[in-house]
Amino acid sequence: MFVTATEFKNNFGKYLELAKTDTIYITRHGRPEFRLSGSVEERKRVLDSIDGILKYDGDTEELLKERLNEI
């Protein structure tokens, strides 16, 4: 979902709630400037759900830490 910075500012609480389930892109002058997404716990849940699907020979805990730092 894309919203202007003004719209985000005026409806901050609404977009915080929406960010729990959707990624919010905040735009300035028509260009995305910021991204707001769900909590770390939600990202961890998603990563846990795909554990074993992707091939990875290393430590999955280390992979999780790397992935959470990228987001």
C-alpha atoms as a PDB file:
ATOM      1  CA  MET A   1       0.000   0.000   0.000  1.00  0.00           C
ATOM      2  CA  PHE A   2       1.284   3.462  -0.885  1.00  0.00           C
ATOM      3  CA  VAL A   3       0.358   6.586   1.092  1.00  0.00           C
ATOM      4  CA  THR A   4       1.633  10.134   1.048  1.00  0.00           C
ATOM      5  CA  ALA A   5       3.651  11.434   3.979  1.00  0.00           C
ATOM      6  CA  THR A   6       0.823  13.844   4.830  1.00  0.00           C
ATOM      7  CA  GLU A   7      -1.786  11.080   4.773  1.00  0.00           C
ATOM      8  CA  PHE A   8       0.447   8.918   6.965  1.00  0.00           C
ATOM      9  CA  LYS A   9       1.011  11.755   9.430  1.00  0.00           C
ATOM     10  CA  ASN A  10      -2.695  12.542   9.677  1.00  0.00           C
ATOM     11  CA  ASN A  11      -3.702   8.890  10.179  1.00  0.00           C
ATOM     12  CA  PHE A  12      -0.675   7.496  12.007  1.00  0.00           C
ATOM     13  CA  GLY A  13      -2.585   5.037  14.225  1.00  0.00           C
ATOM     14  CA  LYS A  14      -4.531   3.627  11.306  1.00  0.00           C
ATOM     15  CA  TYR A  15      -1.351   2.871   9.356  1.00  0.00           C
ATOM     16  CA  LEU A  16       0.379   1.343  12.374  1.00  0.00           C
ATOM     17  CA  GLU A  17      -2.461  -1.156  12.602  1.00  0.00           C
ATOM     18  CA  LEU A  18      -2.414  -1.822   8.859  1.00  0.00           C
ATOM     19  CA  ALA A  19       1.360  -2.392   8.958  1.00  0.00           C
ATOM     20  CA  LYS A  20       0.768  -5.475  11.086  1.00  0.00           C
ATOM     21  CA  THR A  21      -0.605  -7.270   8.031  1.00  0.00           C
ATOM     22  CA  ASP A  22       0.551  -5.182   5.066  1.00  0.00           C
ATOM     23  CA  THR A  23       3.640  -3.278   4.018  1.00  0.00           C
ATOM     24  CA  ILE A  24       3.077   0.474   3.910  1.00  0.00           C
ATOM     25  CA  TYR A  25       5.194   2.586   1.553  1.00  0.00           C
ATOM     26  CA  ILE A  26       5.277   6.265   2.493  1.00  0.00           C
ATOM     27  CA  THR A  27       5.831   8.546  -0.469  1.00  0.00           C
ATOM     28  CA  ARG A  28       7.212  12.029  -0.920  1.00  0.00           C
ATOM     29  CA  HIS A  29       6.715  13.845  -4.196  1.00  0.00           C
ATOM     30  CA  GLY A  30       5.287  10.647  -5.668  1.00  0.00           C
ATOM     31  CA  ARG A  31       8.333   8.489  -4.846  1.00  0.00           C
ATOM     32  CA  PRO A  32       8.524   5.850  -2.109  1.00  0.00           C
ATOM     33  CA  GLU A  33      10.794   7.120   0.679  1.00  0.00           C
ATOM     34  CA  PHE A  34      10.041   4.817   3.620  1.00  0.00           C
ATOM     35  CA  ARG A  35       8.691   1.333   4.251  1.00  0.00           C
ATOM     36  CA  LEU A  36       6.717   0.282   7.316  1.00  0.00           C
ATOM     37  CA  SER A  37       6.081  -3.411   7.825  1.00  0.00           C
ATOM     38  CA  GLY A  38       5.023  -5.856  10.508  1.00  0.00           C
ATOM     39  CA  SER A  39       6.816  -6.570  13.728  1.00  0.00           C
ATOM     40  CA  VAL A  40       9.970  -8.628  14.168  1.00  0.00           C
ATOM     41  CA  GLU A  41       7.843 -11.419  15.633  1.00  0.00           C
ATOM     42  CA  GLU A  42       5.766 -11.537  12.462  1.00  0.00           C
ATOM     43  CA  ARG A  43       8.880 -11.636  10.294  1.00  0.00           C
ATOM     44  CA  LYS A  44      10.283 -14.433  12.458  1.00  0.00           C
ATOM     45  CA  ARG A  45       7.031 -16.383  12.089  1.00  0.00           C
ATOM     46  CA  VAL A  46       7.233 -16.074   8.303  1.00  0.00           C
ATOM     47  CA  LEU A  47      10.871 -17.167   8.267  1.00  0.00           C
ATOM     48  CA  ASP A  48      10.055 -20.118  10.533  1.00  0.00           C
ATOM     49  CA  SER A  49       7.250 -21.142   8.182  1.00  0.00           C
ATOM     50  CA  ILE A  50       9.651 -21.488   5.246  1.00  0.00           C
ATOM     51  CA  ASP A  51      12.404 -23.236   7.222  1.00  0.00           C
ATOM     52  CA  GLY A  52      13.207 -26.458   5.417  1.00  0.00           C
ATOM     53  CA  ILE A  53      11.751 -25.296   2.106  1.00  0.00           C
ATOM     54  CA  LEU A  54      14.829 -23.371   1.081  1.00  0.00           C
ATOM     55  CA  LYS A  55      18.169 -25.103   0.798  1.00  0.00           C
ATOM     56  CA  TYR A  56      20.623 -23.724   3.332  1.00  0.00           C
ATOM     57  CA  ASP A  57      23.639 -25.618   4.644  1.00  0.00           C
ATOM     58  CA  GLY A  58      24.406 -23.250   7.527  1.00  0.00           C
ATOM     59  CA  ASP A  59      22.916 -22.604  10.926  1.00  0.00           C
ATOM     60  CA  THR A  60      19.243 -21.579  10.641  1.00  0.00           C
ATOM     61  CA  GLU A  61      19.532 -19.298  13.687  1.00  0.00           C
ATOM     62  CA  GLU A  62      22.361 -17.438  11.943  1.00  0.00           C
ATOM     63  CA  LEU A  63      20.242 -17.213   8.783  1.00  0.00           C
ATOM     64  CA  LEU A  64      17.371 -15.768  10.829  1.00  0.00           C
ATOM     65  CA  LYS A  65      19.632 -13.095  12.328  1.00  0.00           C
ATOM     66  CA  GLU A  66      20.933 -12.174   8.871  1.00  0.00           C
ATOM     67  CA  ARG A  67      17.435 -11.972   7.395  1.00  0.00           C
ATOM     68  CA  LEU A  68      16.060  -9.866  10.236  1.00  0.00           C
ATOM     69  CA  ASN A  69      18.962  -7.417   9.857  1.00  0.00           C
ATOM     70  CA  GLU A  70      18.219  -7.047   6.128  1.00  0.00           C
ATOM     71  CA  ILE A  71      14.588  -6.092   6.680  1.00  0.00           C
END
